[in-house]
Amino acid sequence: MSAGPTRRIKPETAQRPAADPAASVWVSASAGTGKTKVLTDRVLRLLLQGTAPQRILCLTFTKAAAAEMSNRIAERLGQWAVRDDVELSKDLTELTGHRPENLTLIAARRLFARVLDAPGGLAIQTIHGFCQSLLRRFPLEAVVAPHFAVMDERSAAEMLKQARRRVLDAACAEDDANLAQSLARITRYVNEKSFADLIGELTAQRDRLKQVIRDAGGFDGLVAEIHRRLGVAPGFGDDGVLTET
């Protein structure tokens, strides 16, 4: 049995149905296969259909992806504004799958200025940025301080470094006996670099650590649970374990 001829489908033809604003579509594809192009085409077709730019919201994972989409849309609309009828008609036909009418050509040329004049412009945001905008609109409902500012990674790292230094200073000064004892125990097993890595990991997993402590009924309960899982009696320390082994 011989196989029939393989039919080659142009990428723009395969992507066109996903860019149709009338369809609810989930696109899954590898990197570099045209997902951003599909999203860009979808926005352009929404604009061509008369949707107000300020009523369109695009969400991405990264700022780089948001900037890429914004640049692509602005570049395409800028091209439409200056192209002649033949070139513009060809471009719109490839985008929508059918030949545009004269009114559509006129509307396409005006889109660049329309997007620029839209209140707030075309909203292309990261998911984090969108969530932050919701929190700023409803801070009391979200139980956050009005006019809050989001800390960047550099500031967060600096504040974490300062907090770690304050804890170490307090432990070295023996202002807190339990803290000093805990630090002395930890430094028996880790060096300076490993200690910083350990504190960084605990900080990154602080929500999980808090939940574990809550589930155990407090810190003492957590210690008792650790002893139970290790099969040793409460108060049985390192020396006792070494002696038994």
Protein backbone atom coordinates (compact mmCIF):
# COMPACT_ATOMS: atom_id res chain seq x y z
CA MET A 1 0.00 0.00 0.00
CA SER A 2 1.47 3.32 -1.01
CA ALA A 3 0.88 6.47 0.96
CA GLY A 4 -0.81 9.39 -0.71
CA PRO A 5 0.96 12.68 -1.37
CA THR A 6 1.83 14.69 1.73
CA ARG A 7 -0.06 17.94 1.95
CA ARG A 8 2.07 20.84 3.13
CA ILE A 9 0.21 23.46 5.10
CA LYS A 10 1.63 26.96 5.27
CA PRO A 11 2.27 28.15 8.84
CA GLU A 12 0.10 31.23 8.35
CA THR A 13 -2.77 29.01 7.19
CA ALA A 14 -2.48 26.74 10.24
CA GLN A 15 -2.18 29.69 12.63
CA ARG A 16 -5.04 31.71 11.16
CA PRO A 17 -7.90 29.82 12.89
CA ALA A 18 -6.19 30.31 16.27
CA ALA A 19 -5.96 34.04 15.62
CA ASP A 20 -9.71 34.33 15.02
CA PRO A 21 -11.14 36.49 17.85
CA ALA A 22 -14.49 34.72 17.54
CA ALA A 23 -12.90 31.43 18.66
CA SER A 24 -11.87 30.49 22.19
CA VAL A 25 -8.48 28.87 21.62
CA TRP A 26 -5.78 27.16 23.68
CA VAL A 27 -2.45 27.14 21.87
CA SER A 28 0.33 24.77 22.95
CA ALA A 29 3.57 24.74 20.98
CA SER A 30 7.34 24.68 21.35
CA ALA A 31 9.42 27.81 21.63
CA GLY A 32 9.98 29.64 18.37
CA THR A 33 7.01 28.10 16.55
CA GLY A 34 4.91 31.27 16.37
CA LYS A 35 2.81 31.55 19.55
CA THR A 36 3.61 35.25 19.87
CA LYS A 37 2.66 35.78 16.24
CA VAL A 38 -0.71 34.12 16.84
CA LEU A 39 -1.38 36.38 19.82
CA THR A 40 -0.29 39.45 17.86
CA ASP A 41 -2.50 38.53 14.91
CA ARG A 42 -5.42 37.97 17.28
CA VAL A 43 -5.03 41.48 18.72
CA LEU A 44 -4.73 42.99 15.24
CA ARG A 45 -7.92 41.26 14.10
CA LEU A 46 -9.74 42.51 17.19
CA LEU A 47 -8.66 46.04 16.34
CA LEU A 48 -9.72 45.61 12.70
CA GLN A 49 -13.16 44.50 13.86
CA GLY A 50 -13.57 47.80 15.72
CA THR A 51 -12.72 46.77 19.29
CA ALA A 52 -11.53 49.79 21.28
CA PRO A 53 -7.82 49.44 22.14
CA GLN A 54 -8.45 50.19 25.82
CA ARG A 55 -10.84 47.23 26.01
CA ILE A 56 -8.15 44.72 25.03
CA LEU A 57 -6.02 43.10 27.72
CA CYS A 58 -3.05 40.85 26.93
CA LEU A 59 -1.32 38.93 29.71
CA THR A 60 2.14 37.39 29.40
CA PHE A 61 4.52 35.65 31.79
CA THR A 62 7.53 37.93 31.34
CA LYS A 63 8.24 41.60 30.72
CA ALA A 64 10.32 40.61 27.71
CA ALA A 65 7.33 38.87 26.12
CA ALA A 66 5.09 41.87 26.84
CA ALA A 67 7.61 44.23 25.24
CA GLU A 68 7.97 41.91 22.23
CA MET A 69 4.20 41.85 21.65
CA SER A 70 3.90 45.61 22.06
CA ASN A 71 6.74 46.24 19.59
CA ARG A 72 5.34 43.82 17.03
CA ILE A 73 1.87 45.36 17.14
CA ALA A 74 3.22 48.92 16.94
CA GLU A 75 5.49 47.98 14.02
CA ARG A 76 2.65 46.29 12.13
CA LEU A 77 0.23 49.16 12.64
CA GLY A 78 2.92 51.62 11.60
CA GLN A 79 3.41 49.69 8.36
CA TRP A 80 -0.31 49.65 7.67
CA ALA A 81 -0.48 53.43 8.03
CA VAL A 82 1.91 54.05 5.10
CA ARG A 83 1.38 51.09 2.77
CA ASP A 84 -0.38 51.46 -0.55
CA ASP A 85 -3.66 49.69 -1.29
CA VAL A 86 -2.06 46.66 -2.99
CA GLU A 87 0.45 45.90 -0.21
CA LEU A 88 -2.03 46.59 2.57
CA SER A 89 -4.70 44.45 0.92
CA LYS A 90 -2.23 41.57 0.60
CA ASP A 91 -1.21 41.88 4.26
CA LEU A 92 -4.80 41.94 5.51
CA THR A 93 -5.73 39.00 3.29
CA GLU A 94 -2.92 36.92 4.81
CA LEU A 95 -4.06 37.98 8.27
CA THR A 96 -7.79 37.36 7.98
CA GLY A 97 -8.07 34.87 5.11
CA HIS A 98 -10.29 37.04 2.92
CA ARG A 99 -9.83 40.11 0.74
CA PRO A 100 -10.58 43.35 2.64
CA GLU A 101 -13.05 45.99 1.53
CA ASN A 102 -12.04 49.61 0.98
CA LEU A 103 -13.50 50.64 4.34
CA THR A 104 -11.34 48.02 6.03
CA LEU A 105 -8.24 49.46 4.35
CA ILE A 106 -9.12 52.92 5.62
CA ALA A 107 -9.75 51.61 9.13
CA ALA A 108 -6.44 49.71 9.12
CA ARG A 109 -4.49 52.87 8.25
CA ARG A 110 -6.10 54.72 11.14
CA LEU A 111 -5.40 52.08 13.76
CA PHE A 112 -1.88 53.30 14.56
CA ALA A 113 -3.14 56.74 15.58
CA ARG A 114 -6.18 55.24 17.28
CA VAL A 115 -4.03 53.07 19.53
CA LEU A 116 -1.77 56.02 20.38
CA ASP A 117 -4.76 58.19 21.31
CA ALA A 118 -6.53 55.50 23.36
CA PRO A 119 -6.76 56.25 27.12
CA GLY A 120 -4.11 54.08 28.74
CA GLY A 121 -3.07 52.66 25.36
CA LEU A 122 -3.12 48.98 24.53
CA ALA A 123 -2.79 46.99 27.77
CA ILE A 124 -0.08 44.34 27.41
CA GLN A 125 1.00 43.32 30.89
CA THR A 126 2.62 40.51 32.78
CA ILE A 127 0.40 38.42 35.04
CA HIS A 128 2.22 39.88 38.05
CA GLY A 129 1.66 43.42 36.77
CA PHE A 130 -2.04 42.75 36.24
CA CYS A 131 -2.42 41.36 39.76
CA GLN A 132 -0.63 44.39 41.17
CA SER A 133 -3.02 46.70 39.33
CA LEU A 134 -5.97 44.86 40.91
CA LEU A 135 -4.42 45.21 44.36
CA ARG A 136 -3.91 48.93 43.80
CA ARG A 137 -7.57 49.33 42.85
CA PHE A 138 -8.88 47.34 45.82
CA PRO A 139 -6.23 47.56 48.57
CA LEU A 140 -8.68 47.47 51.49
CA GLU A 141 -10.48 44.41 50.15
CA ALA A 142 -7.10 42.70 49.66
CA VAL A 143 -5.97 43.76 53.15
CA VAL A 144 -2.88 45.60 51.88
CA ALA A 145 -1.72 49.15 52.54
CA PRO A 146 -2.94 51.70 49.96
CA HIS A 147 -0.19 53.18 47.75
CA PHE A 148 2.02 50.15 48.40
CA ALA A 149 5.18 49.65 46.36
CA VAL A 150 6.42 46.32 45.03
CA MET A 151 9.96 45.50 46.08
CA ASP A 152 12.34 44.53 43.29
CA GLU A 153 14.70 41.56 43.56
CA ARG A 154 17.74 43.71 44.30
CA SER A 155 16.06 45.52 47.20
CA ALA A 156 14.68 42.25 48.56
CA ALA A 157 18.14 40.67 48.51
CA GLU A 158 19.62 43.69 50.31
CA MET A 159 16.94 43.65 53.01
CA LEU A 160 17.40 39.91 53.49
CA LYS A 161 21.13 40.47 53.91
CA GLN A 162 20.50 43.16 56.54
CA ALA A 163 18.03 40.94 58.40
CA ARG A 164 20.52 38.06 58.41
CA ARG A 165 23.19 40.39 59.79
CA ARG A 166 20.89 41.56 62.60
CA VAL A 167 20.12 37.96 63.58
CA LEU A 168 23.80 37.05 63.62
CA ASP A 169 24.66 40.15 65.67
CA ALA A 170 21.94 39.29 68.20
CA ALA A 171 23.16 35.70 68.41
CA CYS A 172 26.79 36.70 68.87
CA ALA A 173 25.82 39.20 71.57
CA GLU A 174 23.84 36.41 73.28
CA ASP A 175 20.82 38.69 73.64
CA ASP A 176 18.73 35.58 72.95
CA ALA A 177 20.04 32.42 74.58
CA ASN A 178 18.02 30.07 72.37
CA LEU A 179 19.15 31.90 69.24
CA ALA A 180 22.79 31.79 70.32
CA GLN A 181 22.53 28.08 71.10
CA SER A 182 20.89 27.36 67.73
CA LEU A 183 23.57 29.32 65.85
CA ALA A 184 26.33 27.49 67.72
CA ARG A 185 24.77 24.15 66.78
CA ILE A 186 24.38 25.06 63.09
CA THR A 187 27.92 26.37 62.74
CA ARG A 188 29.20 22.97 63.79
CA TYR A 189 27.99 21.55 60.48
CA VAL A 190 28.11 24.37 57.91
CA ASN A 191 30.68 26.93 56.81
CA GLU A 192 29.99 30.58 56.03
CA LYS A 193 28.89 29.99 52.43
CA SER A 194 26.76 26.98 53.31
CA PHE A 195 25.16 28.98 56.10
CA ALA A 196 24.15 31.74 53.66
CA ASP A 197 22.76 29.11 51.26
CA LEU A 198 20.83 27.46 54.11
CA ILE A 199 19.29 30.75 55.24
CA GLY A 200 18.41 31.58 51.63
CA GLU A 201 16.67 28.21 51.17
CA LEU A 202 14.75 28.56 54.45
CA THR A 203 13.67 32.05 53.45
CA ALA A 204 12.52 30.87 50.03
CA GLN A 205 10.53 28.05 51.66
CA ARG A 206 9.25 30.12 54.60
CA ASP A 207 5.59 29.66 53.72
CA ARG A 208 5.96 25.88 53.70
CA LEU A 209 7.97 26.01 56.92
CA LYS A 210 5.29 28.11 58.63
CA GLN A 211 2.62 25.67 57.49
CA VAL A 212 4.59 22.71 58.86
CA ILE A 213 4.93 24.46 62.22
CA ARG A 214 1.21 25.29 62.27
CA ASP A 215 0.25 21.72 61.38
CA ALA A 216 2.41 20.44 64.25
CA GLY A 217 0.72 22.79 66.71
CA GLY A 218 3.76 25.01 67.21
CA PHE A 219 7.53 24.74 67.30
CA ASP A 220 7.60 22.36 70.26
CA GLY A 221 5.13 20.12 68.47
CA LEU A 222 7.33 20.15 65.38
CA VAL A 223 10.37 19.12 67.43
CA ALA A 224 8.36 16.27 68.98
CA GLU A 225 7.19 15.17 65.53
CA ILE A 226 10.76 15.11 64.24
CA HIS A 227 11.82 12.95 67.20
CA ARG A 228 8.89 10.61 66.54
CA ARG A 229 9.74 10.19 62.87
CA LEU A 230 13.40 9.61 63.63
CA GLY A 231 12.47 7.06 66.28
CA VAL A 232 14.32 8.77 69.11
CA ALA A 233 13.06 10.00 72.47
CA PRO A 234 12.58 13.74 73.09
CA GLY A 235 15.77 15.29 74.40
CA PHE A 236 17.87 12.63 72.74
CA GLY A 237 20.62 14.74 71.11
CA ASP A 238 23.57 14.25 68.79
CA ASP A 239 25.80 12.71 71.45
CA GLY A 240 23.16 10.17 72.31
CA VAL A 241 22.69 9.20 68.67
CA LEU A 242 26.44 8.78 68.21
CA THR A 243 26.66 6.68 71.35
CA GLU A 244 23.84 4.39 70.21
CA THR A 245 25.39 3.91 66.78
